[in-house]
């Protein structure tokens, strides 16, 4: 059965006078389905190419914050009793998370329609209004963000996303911020890694970069287990080199686990069960 939804687009407005802007996110609200969700890009190359040099770390952090806030509002809406009331419209939610001001990030006028699946509608709107304009070289294959979408869909279904947050692991000679992590005795960090690339050497090289990165991070004071959420190659000719890449990742020191795309549903269920049993943080 279909339900009404409304949506709003998050825009980066470079110049208010000229009105030039780039869509960087979409948020959807379907009160009948008790659903609130958002998708924001963390890619900033297009902004830099069109307008100016962007502080990449700040932009990525801000986009993650906005998306996470929408997910928190979605979890609150699902879990609260109806007697506590619901937001009047998508703009009430959007302005609560990012109040209108004279900054470069601005909300569009809202739109809406009917949907049988609000989460799928959010994906479709994001693909049409944001992702299609991202300048991606097809020869590079799938991006890590594309692989994350596969896992995110299952994690969202199991209501896991609200329990994940960024975590920066700081070592003596290197530091790295994982976008998705939770703590239960030790830190558990979840990293999407696309090995669906056009060149065989690129697949092996990427696995070796992650081997080196985690090796360097192991002298951190934070005890952590890394979960590689793998994106498998779509080209059959790359199956053997993909196996080599898995073998390289299995050499990663310390606690680690390799998850394949076909295992996304089972992995998400197991994670949801563990969160239900142990909670978010001990």
C-alpha atoms as a PDB file:
ATOM      1  CA  UNK A   1       0.000   0.000   0.000  1.00  0.00           C
ATOM      2  CA  UNK A   2       1.317   3.420  -0.958  1.00  0.00           C
ATOM      3  CA  UNK A   3       1.822   6.285   1.451  1.00  0.00           C
ATOM      4  CA  UNK A   4       2.499   9.987   1.000  1.00  0.00           C
ATOM      5  CA  UNK A   5       6.051  11.266   1.246  1.00  0.00           C
ATOM      6  CA  UNK A   6       7.820  14.588   0.950  1.00  0.00           C
ATOM      7  CA  UNK A   7      11.452  15.284   0.137  1.00  0.00           C
ATOM      8  CA  UNK A   8      13.899  18.150   0.141  1.00  0.00           C
ATOM      9  CA  UNK A   9      17.262  18.583  -1.597  1.00  0.00           C
ATOM     10  CA  UNK A  10      20.377  19.879   0.156  1.00  0.00           C
ATOM     11  CA  UNK A  11      22.268  22.256  -2.118  1.00  0.00           C
ATOM     12  CA  UNK A  12      25.701  23.809  -2.062  1.00  0.00           C
ATOM     13  CA  UNK A  13      25.056  27.350  -3.294  1.00  0.00           C
ATOM     14  CA  UNK A  14      28.294  28.939  -4.426  1.00  0.00           C
ATOM     15  CA  UNK A  15      26.949  32.397  -5.208  1.00  0.00           C
ATOM     16  CA  UNK A  16      23.540  33.627  -4.080  1.00  0.00           C
ATOM     17  CA  UNK A  17      23.596  36.331  -6.776  1.00  0.00           C
ATOM     18  CA  UNK A  18      24.182  33.968  -9.708  1.00  0.00           C
ATOM     19  CA  UNK A  19      22.206  31.130  -8.112  1.00  0.00           C
ATOM     20  CA  UNK A  20      24.817  28.524  -9.045  1.00  0.00           C
ATOM     21  CA  UNK A  21      24.455  25.388  -6.959  1.00  0.00           C
ATOM     22  CA  UNK A  22      25.278  21.667  -6.752  1.00  0.00           C
ATOM     23  CA  UNK A  23      22.960  19.115  -5.169  1.00  0.00           C
ATOM     24  CA  UNK A  24      24.780  17.326  -2.341  1.00  0.00           C
ATOM     25  CA  UNK A  25      22.008  15.449  -0.523  1.00  0.00           C
ATOM     26  CA  UNK A  26      18.362  14.372  -0.348  1.00  0.00           C
ATOM     27  CA  UNK A  27      16.059  13.771   2.631  1.00  0.00           C
ATOM     28  CA  UNK A  28      12.718  11.930   2.635  1.00  0.00           C
ATOM     29  CA  UNK A  29       9.872  11.926   5.161  1.00  0.00           C
ATOM     30  CA  UNK A  30       6.936   9.497   4.994  1.00  0.00           C
ATOM     31  CA  UNK A  31       4.850   9.990   8.167  1.00  0.00           C
ATOM     32  CA  UNK A  32       2.436   7.161   7.362  1.00  0.00           C
ATOM     33  CA  UNK A  33       5.353   4.715   7.253  1.00  0.00           C
ATOM     34  CA  UNK A  34       7.072   6.417  10.208  1.00  0.00           C
ATOM     35  CA  UNK A  35      10.139   6.898   8.003  1.00  0.00           C
ATOM     36  CA  UNK A  36      12.794   9.623   7.924  1.00  0.00           C
ATOM     37  CA  UNK A  37      15.985   9.136   5.942  1.00  0.00           C
ATOM     38  CA  UNK A  38      18.690  11.024   4.067  1.00  0.00           C
ATOM     39  CA  UNK A  39      21.603  10.422   1.746  1.00  0.00           C
ATOM     40  CA  UNK A  40      24.442  12.939   1.428  1.00  0.00           C
ATOM     41  CA  UNK A  41      27.457  12.725  -0.828  1.00  0.00           C
ATOM     42  CA  UNK A  42      30.921  12.849   0.716  1.00  0.00           C
ATOM     43  CA  UNK A  43      32.577  13.451  -2.659  1.00  0.00           C
ATOM     44  CA  UNK A  44      33.900  16.976  -2.996  1.00  0.00           C
ATOM     45  CA  UNK A  45      35.894  16.855  -6.245  1.00  0.00           C
ATOM     46  CA  UNK A  46      32.998  18.277  -8.236  1.00  0.00           C
ATOM     47  CA  UNK A  47      32.742  21.238  -5.855  1.00  0.00           C
ATOM     48  CA  UNK A  48      36.470  21.884  -6.184  1.00  0.00           C
ATOM     49  CA  UNK A  49      36.370  21.553  -9.977  1.00  0.00           C
ATOM     50  CA  UNK A  50      33.438  23.938 -10.388  1.00  0.00           C
ATOM     51  CA  UNK A  51      33.916  26.492  -7.660  1.00  0.00           C
ATOM     52  CA  UNK A  52      36.877  26.450  -5.322  1.00  0.00           C
ATOM     53  CA  UNK A  53      39.274  24.386  -3.277  1.00  0.00           C
ATOM     54  CA  UNK A  54      37.184  22.573  -0.677  1.00  0.00           C
ATOM     55  CA  UNK A  55      38.343  21.437   2.756  1.00  0.00           C
ATOM     56  CA  UNK A  56      37.647  17.770   2.077  1.00  0.00           C
ATOM     57  CA  UNK A  57      37.776  16.522   5.670  1.00  0.00           C
ATOM     58  CA  UNK A  58      35.432  19.261   6.877  1.00  0.00           C
ATOM     59  CA  UNK A  59      32.969  18.692   4.019  1.00  0.00           C
ATOM     60  CA  UNK A  60      32.909  14.931   4.537  1.00  0.00           C
ATOM     61  CA  UNK A  61      32.411  15.351   8.263  1.00  0.00           C
ATOM     62  CA  UNK A  62      29.569  17.823   7.752  1.00  0.00           C
ATOM     63  CA  UNK A  63      27.790  15.558   5.251  1.00  0.00           C
ATOM     64  CA  UNK A  64      28.115  12.586   7.613  1.00  0.00           C
ATOM     65  CA  UNK A  65      26.766  14.698  10.480  1.00  0.00           C
ATOM     66  CA  UNK A  66      23.697  15.799   8.526  1.00  0.00           C
ATOM     67  CA  UNK A  67      22.934  12.278   7.284  1.00  0.00           C
ATOM     68  CA  UNK A  68      23.422  10.824  10.769  1.00  0.00           C
ATOM     69  CA  UNK A  69      21.094  13.409  12.295  1.00  0.00           C
ATOM     70  CA  UNK A  70      18.342  12.423   9.870  1.00  0.00           C
ATOM     71  CA  UNK A  71      18.916   8.765  10.743  1.00  0.00           C
ATOM     72  CA  UNK A  72      18.660   9.625  14.447  1.00  0.00           C
ATOM     73  CA  UNK A  73      15.365  11.411  13.791  1.00  0.00           C
ATOM     74  CA  UNK A  74      14.187   8.360  11.845  1.00  0.00           C
ATOM     75  CA  UNK A  75      15.045   6.041  14.734  1.00  0.00           C
ATOM     76  CA  UNK A  76      13.258   8.344  17.175  1.00  0.00           C
ATOM     77  CA  UNK A  77      10.139   8.405  14.985  1.00  0.00           C
ATOM     78  CA  UNK A  78      10.071   4.606  14.724  1.00  0.00           C
ATOM     79  CA  UNK A  79      10.566   4.038  18.431  1.00  0.00           C
ATOM     80  CA  UNK A  80       8.411   6.728  20.026  1.00  0.00           C
ATOM     81  CA  UNK A  81       4.730   6.227  20.692  1.00  0.00           C
ATOM     82  CA  UNK A  82       2.359   8.131  18.380  1.00  0.00           C
ATOM     83  CA  UNK A  83       1.090  10.201  21.307  1.00  0.00           C
ATOM     84  CA  UNK A  84       4.381  12.130  21.275  1.00  0.00           C
ATOM     85  CA  UNK A  85       3.384  13.559  17.900  1.00  0.00           C
ATOM     86  CA  UNK A  86       5.142  13.583  14.537  1.00  0.00           C
ATOM     87  CA  UNK A  87       6.852  16.370  12.559  1.00  0.00           C
ATOM     88  CA  UNK A  88       4.483  18.434  10.444  1.00  0.00           C
ATOM     89  CA  UNK A  89       6.538  18.151   7.246  1.00  0.00           C
ATOM     90  CA  UNK A  90      10.000  17.513   5.831  1.00  0.00           C
ATOM     91  CA  UNK A  91      11.013  21.163   6.213  1.00  0.00           C
ATOM     92  CA  UNK A  92      10.388  21.074   9.960  1.00  0.00           C
ATOM     93  CA  UNK A  93      12.898  18.224  10.216  1.00  0.00           C
ATOM     94  CA  UNK A  94      15.388  19.745   7.779  1.00  0.00           C
ATOM     95  CA  UNK A  95      15.414  23.155   9.472  1.00  0.00           C
ATOM     96  CA  UNK A  96      15.860  21.517  12.869  1.00  0.00           C
ATOM     97  CA  UNK A  97      19.007  19.736  11.606  1.00  0.00           C
ATOM     98  CA  UNK A  98      20.374  22.581   9.475  1.00  0.00           C
ATOM     99  CA  UNK A  99      18.695  25.913  10.315  1.00  0.00           C
ATOM    100  CA  UNK A 100      18.387  28.412   7.435  1.00  0.00           C
ATOM    101  CA  UNK A 101      21.154  31.009   7.367  1.00  0.00           C
ATOM    102  CA  UNK A 102      23.382  32.718   4.815  1.00  0.00           C
ATOM    103  CA  UNK A 103      25.846  29.816   4.530  1.00  0.00           C
ATOM    104  CA  UNK A 104      26.514  27.887   1.335  1.00  0.00           C
ATOM    105  CA  UNK A 105      24.326  24.924   2.325  1.00  0.00           C
ATOM    106  CA  UNK A 106      20.681  25.598   1.589  1.00  0.00           C
ATOM    107  CA  UNK A 107      17.479  23.548   1.413  1.00  0.00           C
ATOM    108  CA  UNK A 108      15.426  23.477  -1.771  1.00  0.00           C
ATOM    109  CA  UNK A 109      11.673  23.856  -1.905  1.00  0.00           C
ATOM    110  CA  UNK A 110      10.062  20.552  -0.877  1.00  0.00           C
ATOM    111  CA  UNK A 111       8.561  18.047  -3.291  1.00  0.00           C
ATOM    112  CA  UNK A 112       6.577  14.885  -2.763  1.00  0.00           C
ATOM    113  CA  UNK A 113       4.459  12.040  -4.033  1.00  0.00           C
ATOM    114  CA  UNK A 114       3.269   8.532  -3.225  1.00  0.00           C
ATOM    115  CA  UNK A 115       5.489   5.529  -2.502  1.00  0.00           C
ATOM    116  CA  UNK A 116       5.216   1.910  -1.389  1.00  0.00           C
ATOM    117  CA  UNK A 117       8.862   1.922  -0.212  1.00  0.00           C
ATOM    118  CA  UNK A 118      10.242   5.203   1.225  1.00  0.00           C
ATOM    119  CA  UNK A 119      13.809   3.863   1.506  1.00  0.00           C
ATOM    120  CA  UNK A 120      13.811   2.836  -2.167  1.00  0.00           C
ATOM    121  CA  UNK A 121      12.363   6.214  -3.118  1.00  0.00           C
ATOM    122  CA  UNK A 122      15.196   7.922  -1.243  1.00  0.00           C
ATOM    123  CA  UNK A 123      17.734   5.867  -3.217  1.00  0.00           C
ATOM    124  CA  UNK A 124      16.001   6.757  -6.496  1.00  0.00           C
ATOM    125  CA  UNK A 125      15.872  10.466  -5.693  1.00  0.00           C
ATOM    126  CA  UNK A 126      19.524  10.475  -4.659  1.00  0.00           C
ATOM    127  CA  UNK A 127      20.539   8.675  -7.855  1.00  0.00           C
ATOM    128  CA  UNK A 128      18.540  11.108 -10.007  1.00  0.00           C
ATOM    129  CA  UNK A 129      19.268  14.383  -8.233  1.00  0.00           C
ATOM    130  CA  UNK A 130      22.775  13.907  -6.844  1.00  0.00           C
ATOM    131  CA  UNK A 131      24.628  10.816  -8.001  1.00  0.00           C
ATOM    132  CA  UNK A 132      24.029  11.201 -11.732  1.00  0.00           C
ATOM    133  CA  UNK A 133      25.943  14.482 -11.711  1.00  0.00           C
ATOM    134  CA  UNK A 134      28.977  13.141  -9.907  1.00  0.00           C
ATOM    135  CA  UNK A 135      31.970  13.030 -12.222  1.00  0.00           C
ATOM    136  CA  UNK A 136      33.051   9.424 -12.022  1.00  0.00           C
ATOM    137  CA  UNK A 137      35.315   7.821 -14.592  1.00  0.00           C
ATOM    138  CA  UNK A 138      33.596   4.627 -15.662  1.00  0.00           C
ATOM    139  CA  UNK A 139      36.982   3.004 -16.141  1.00  0.00           C
ATOM    140  CA  UNK A 140      37.532   3.132 -12.407  1.00  0.00           C
ATOM    141  CA  UNK A 141      34.660   0.729 -11.786  1.00  0.00           C
ATOM    142  CA  UNK A 142      32.516   0.997  -8.665  1.00  0.00           C
ATOM    143  CA  UNK A 143      33.454   3.395  -5.909  1.00  0.00           C
ATOM    144  CA  UNK A 144      33.594   2.435  -2.238  1.00  0.00           C
ATOM    145  CA  UNK A 145      30.452   4.536  -1.739  1.00  0.00           C
ATOM    146  CA  UNK A 146      28.625   2.380  -4.298  1.00  0.00           C
ATOM    147  CA  UNK A 147      29.572  -0.752  -2.373  1.00  0.00           C
ATOM    148  CA  UNK A 148      28.474   0.847   0.905  1.00  0.00           C
ATOM    149  CA  UNK A 149      24.973   1.287  -0.530  1.00  0.00           C
ATOM    150  CA  UNK A 150      24.637  -2.502  -0.815  1.00  0.00           C
ATOM    151  CA  UNK A 151      25.453  -2.989   2.864  1.00  0.00           C
ATOM    152  CA  UNK A 152      23.651   0.163   4.004  1.00  0.00           C
ATOM    153  CA  UNK A 153      20.351  -1.100   2.608  1.00  0.00           C
ATOM    154  CA  UNK A 154      20.545  -4.241   4.756  1.00  0.00           C
ATOM    155  CA  UNK A 155      21.855  -2.400   7.830  1.00  0.00           C
ATOM    156  CA  UNK A 156      19.031   0.116   7.535  1.00  0.00           C
ATOM    157  CA  UNK A 157      16.446  -2.659   7.313  1.00  0.00           C
ATOM    158  CA  UNK A 158      17.828  -4.167  10.534  1.00  0.00           C
ATOM    159  CA  UNK A 159      17.897  -0.715  12.257  1.00  0.00           C
ATOM    160  CA  UNK A 160      21.664  -0.880  12.786  1.00  0.00           C
ATOM    161  CA  UNK A 161      22.780   2.450  11.296  1.00  0.00           C
ATOM    162  CA  UNK A 162      21.811   4.495  14.349  1.00  0.00           C
ATOM    163  CA  UNK A 163      24.398   2.522  16.350  1.00  0.00           C
ATOM    164  CA  UNK A 164      27.290   3.350  13.992  1.00  0.00           C
ATOM    165  CA  UNK A 165      29.352   6.530  14.100  1.00  0.00           C
ATOM    166  CA  UNK A 166      32.719   7.756  12.764  1.00  0.00           C
ATOM    167  CA  UNK A 167      35.848   6.745  14.670  1.00  0.00           C
ATOM    168  CA  UNK A 168      39.351   8.116  14.120  1.00  0.00           C
ATOM    169  CA  UNK A 169      42.112   5.620  14.880  1.00  0.00           C
ATOM    170  CA  UNK A 170      45.316   7.451  15.751  1.00  0.00           C
ATOM    171  CA  UNK A 171      48.660   5.641  15.589  1.00  0.00           C
ATOM    172  CA  UNK A 172      52.209   6.876  16.023  1.00  0.00           C
ATOM    173  CA  UNK A 173      52.891   7.625  12.343  1.00  0.00           C
ATOM    174  CA  UNK A 174      49.406   7.655  10.817  1.00  0.00           C
ATOM    175  CA  UNK A 175      45.739   8.182  11.546  1.00  0.00           C
ATOM    176  CA  UNK A 176      42.558   7.308   9.700  1.00  0.00           C
ATOM    177  CA  UNK A 177      38.887   8.064  10.277  1.00  0.00           C
ATOM    178  CA  UNK A 178      36.477   5.199   9.664  1.00  0.00           C
ATOM    179  CA  UNK A 179      33.000   6.423   8.760  1.00  0.00           C
ATOM    180  CA  UNK A 180      31.187   3.515  10.425  1.00  0.00           C
ATOM    181  CA  UNK A 181      32.148   2.115  13.827  1.00  0.00           C
ATOM    182  CA  UNK A 182      30.799   0.979  17.191  1.00  0.00           C
ATOM    183  CA  UNK A 183      32.380  -0.020  20.481  1.00  0.00           C
ATOM    184  CA  UNK A 184      31.677  -3.261  22.325  1.00  0.00           C
ATOM    185  CA  UNK A 185      34.713  -4.053  24.510  1.00  0.00           C
ATOM    186  CA  UNK A 186      36.880  -3.150  21.502  1.00  0.00           C
ATOM    187  CA  UNK A 187      36.208  -0.877  18.547  1.00  0.00           C
ATOM    188  CA  UNK A 188      34.564  -2.501  15.548  1.00  0.00           C
ATOM    189  CA  UNK A 189      35.161  -0.542  12.335  1.00  0.00           C
ATOM    190  CA  UNK A 190      33.319  -1.307   9.097  1.00  0.00           C
ATOM    191  CA  UNK A 191      35.005  -0.275   5.861  1.00  0.00           C
ATOM    192  CA  UNK A 192      33.488  -0.697   2.361  1.00  0.00           C
ATOM    193  CA  UNK A 193      36.188  -1.673  -0.114  1.00  0.00           C
ATOM    194  CA  UNK A 194      35.346  -1.861  -3.809  1.00  0.00           C
ATOM    195  CA  UNK A 195      37.387  -4.459  -5.647  1.00  0.00           C
ATOM    196  CA  UNK A 196      35.129  -4.094  -8.673  1.00  0.00           C
ATOM    197  CA  UNK A 197      37.744  -2.252 -10.723  1.00  0.00           C
ATOM    198  CA  UNK A 198      38.623  -2.297 -14.402  1.00  0.00           C
ATOM    199  CA  UNK A 199      42.307  -3.107 -14.068  1.00  0.00           C
ATOM    200  CA  UNK A 200      43.616  -6.250 -12.372  1.00  0.00           C
ATOM    201  CA  UNK A 201      46.649  -4.415 -10.998  1.00  0.00           C
ATOM    202  CA  UNK A 202      44.343  -1.843  -9.398  1.00  0.00           C
ATOM    203  CA  UNK A 203      42.537  -4.607  -7.485  1.00  0.00           C
ATOM    204  CA  UNK A 204      45.771  -6.011  -6.053  1.00  0.00           C
ATOM    205  CA  UNK A 205      47.168  -2.550  -5.362  1.00  0.00           C
ATOM    206  CA  UNK A 206      44.068  -1.532  -3.429  1.00  0.00           C
ATOM    207  CA  UNK A 207      44.242  -4.645  -1.248  1.00  0.00           C
ATOM    208  CA  UNK A 208      47.915  -3.959  -0.572  1.00  0.00           C
ATOM    209  CA  UNK A 209      47.157  -0.347   0.394  1.00  0.00           C
ATOM    210  CA  UNK A 210      44.649  -1.547   2.969  1.00  0.00           C
ATOM    211  CA  UNK A 211      47.094  -4.137   4.284  1.00  0.00           C
ATOM    212  CA  UNK A 212      49.669  -1.376   4.780  1.00  0.00           C
ATOM    213  CA  UNK A 213      47.150   1.063   6.260  1.00  0.00           C
ATOM    214  CA  UNK A 214      45.867  -1.324   8.923  1.00  0.00           C
ATOM    215  CA  UNK A 215      49.380  -2.563   9.697  1.00  0.00           C
ATOM    216  CA  UNK A 216      50.461   1.023  10.374  1.00  0.00           C
ATOM    217  CA  UNK A 217      47.412   1.670  12.565  1.00  0.00           C
ATOM    218  CA  UNK A 218      48.039  -1.354  14.786  1.00  0.00           C
ATOM    219  CA  UNK A 219      50.277   0.522  17.199  1.00  0.00           C
ATOM    220  CA  UNK A 220      47.317   2.718  18.147  1.00  0.00           C
ATOM    221  CA  UNK A 221      46.219   2.725  21.783  1.00  0.00           C
ATOM    222  CA  UNK A 222      42.733   1.825  20.507  1.00  0.00           C
ATOM    223  CA  UNK A 223      42.076  -1.890  20.221  1.00  0.00           C
ATOM    224  CA  UNK A 224      40.008  -2.454  17.074  1.00  0.00           C
ATOM    225  CA  UNK A 225      38.688  -5.098  14.734  1.00  0.00           C
ATOM    226  CA  UNK A 226      38.286  -4.179  11.078  1.00  0.00           C
ATOM    227  CA  UNK A 227      35.524  -5.575   8.884  1.00  0.00           C
ATOM    228  CA  UNK A 228      36.255  -5.270   5.176  1.00  0.00           C
ATOM    229  CA  UNK A 229      32.866  -4.981   3.421  1.00  0.00           C
ATOM    230  CA  UNK A 230      33.956  -6.144  -0.002  1.00  0.00           C
ATOM    231  CA  UNK A 231      32.576  -5.247  -3.395  1.00  0.00           C
ATOM    232  CA  UNK A 232      33.250  -8.182  -5.715  1.00  0.00           C
ATOM    233  CA  UNK A 233      34.226  -7.705  -9.381  1.00  0.00           C
ATOM    234  CA  UNK A 234      31.522  -7.732 -12.027  1.00  0.00           C
ATOM    235  CA  UNK A 235      34.017  -8.922 -14.669  1.00  0.00           C
ATOM    236  CA  UNK A 236      34.463 -12.691 -14.633  1.00  0.00           C
ATOM    237  CA  UNK A 237      38.055 -12.341 -15.855  1.00  0.00           C
ATOM    238  CA  UNK A 238      38.923 -10.685 -12.545  1.00  0.00           C
ATOM    239  CA  UNK A 239      37.716 -13.499 -10.281  1.00  0.00           C
ATOM    240  CA  UNK A 240      41.218 -14.944  -9.857  1.00  0.00           C
ATOM    241  CA  UNK A 241      42.822 -11.595  -9.038  1.00  0.00           C
ATOM    242  CA  UNK A 242      39.967 -10.925  -6.609  1.00  0.00           C
ATOM    243  CA  UNK A 243      40.907 -14.139  -4.804  1.00  0.00           C
ATOM    244  CA  UNK A 244      44.488 -12.865  -4.646  1.00  0.00           C
ATOM    245  CA  UNK A 245      43.213  -9.593  -3.176  1.00  0.00           C
ATOM    246  CA  UNK A 246      41.294 -11.492  -0.493  1.00  0.00           C
ATOM    247  CA  UNK A 247      44.469 -13.427   0.325  1.00  0.00           C
ATOM    248  CA  UNK A 248      46.341 -10.128   0.703  1.00  0.00           C
ATOM    249  CA  UNK A 249      43.653  -8.706   3.016  1.00  0.00           C
ATOM    250  CA  UNK A 250      43.744 -11.890   5.095  1.00  0.00           C
ATOM    251  CA  UNK A 251      47.379 -11.027   5.911  1.00  0.00           C
ATOM    252  CA  UNK A 252      46.145  -7.942   7.768  1.00  0.00           C
ATOM    253  CA  UNK A 253      47.477  -8.170  11.352  1.00  0.00           C
ATOM    254  CA  UNK A 254      45.133  -8.281  14.333  1.00  0.00           C
ATOM    255  CA  UNK A 255      41.402  -8.907  14.357  1.00  0.00           C
ATOM    256  CA  UNK A 256      39.772  -8.665  10.950  1.00  0.00           C
ATOM    257  CA  UNK A 257      36.934 -10.173   8.984  1.00  0.00           C
ATOM    258  CA  UNK A 258      36.149 -10.210   5.277  1.00  0.00           C
ATOM    259  CA  UNK A 259      32.472  -9.852   4.314  1.00  0.00           C
ATOM    260  CA  UNK A 260      31.291 -10.475   0.742  1.00  0.00           C
ATOM    261  CA  UNK A 261      28.332  -8.718  -0.842  1.00  0.00           C
ATOM    262  CA  UNK A 262      26.317 -11.927  -0.976  1.00  0.00           C
ATOM    263  CA  UNK A 263      26.744 -12.128   2.805  1.00  0.00           C
ATOM    264  CA  UNK A 264      25.403  -8.602   3.453  1.00  0.00           C
ATOM    265  CA  UNK A 265      21.995  -9.731   4.711  1.00  0.00           C
ATOM    266  CA  UNK A 266      23.368 -12.361   7.098  1.00  0.00           C
ATOM    267  CA  UNK A 267      26.089 -10.003   8.313  1.00  0.00           C
ATOM    268  CA  UNK A 268      23.530  -7.263   9.032  1.00  0.00           C
ATOM    269  CA  UNK A 269      21.289  -9.673  10.930  1.00  0.00           C
ATOM    270  CA  UNK A 270      24.196 -10.944  13.036  1.00  0.00           C
ATOM    271  CA  UNK A 271      25.261  -7.385  13.818  1.00  0.00           C
ATOM    272  CA  UNK A 272      21.705  -6.410  14.790  1.00  0.00           C
ATOM    273  CA  UNK A 273      21.480  -9.452  17.065  1.00  0.00           C
ATOM    274  CA  UNK A 274      24.792  -8.568  18.720  1.00  0.00           C
ATOM    275  CA  UNK A 275      23.692  -4.969  19.288  1.00  0.00           C
ATOM    276  CA  UNK A 276      20.403  -6.177  20.751  1.00  0.00           C
ATOM    277  CA  UNK A 277      22.262  -8.545  23.077  1.00  0.00           C
ATOM    278  CA  UNK A 278      25.134  -6.326  24.182  1.00  0.00           C
ATOM    279  CA  UNK A 279      23.990  -2.780  23.414  1.00  0.00           C
ATOM    280  CA  UNK A 280      25.921  -0.088  21.575  1.00  0.00           C
ATOM    281  CA  UNK A 281      28.849   0.446  23.932  1.00  0.00           C
ATOM    282  CA  UNK A 282      30.201  -1.197  27.035  1.00  0.00           C
END
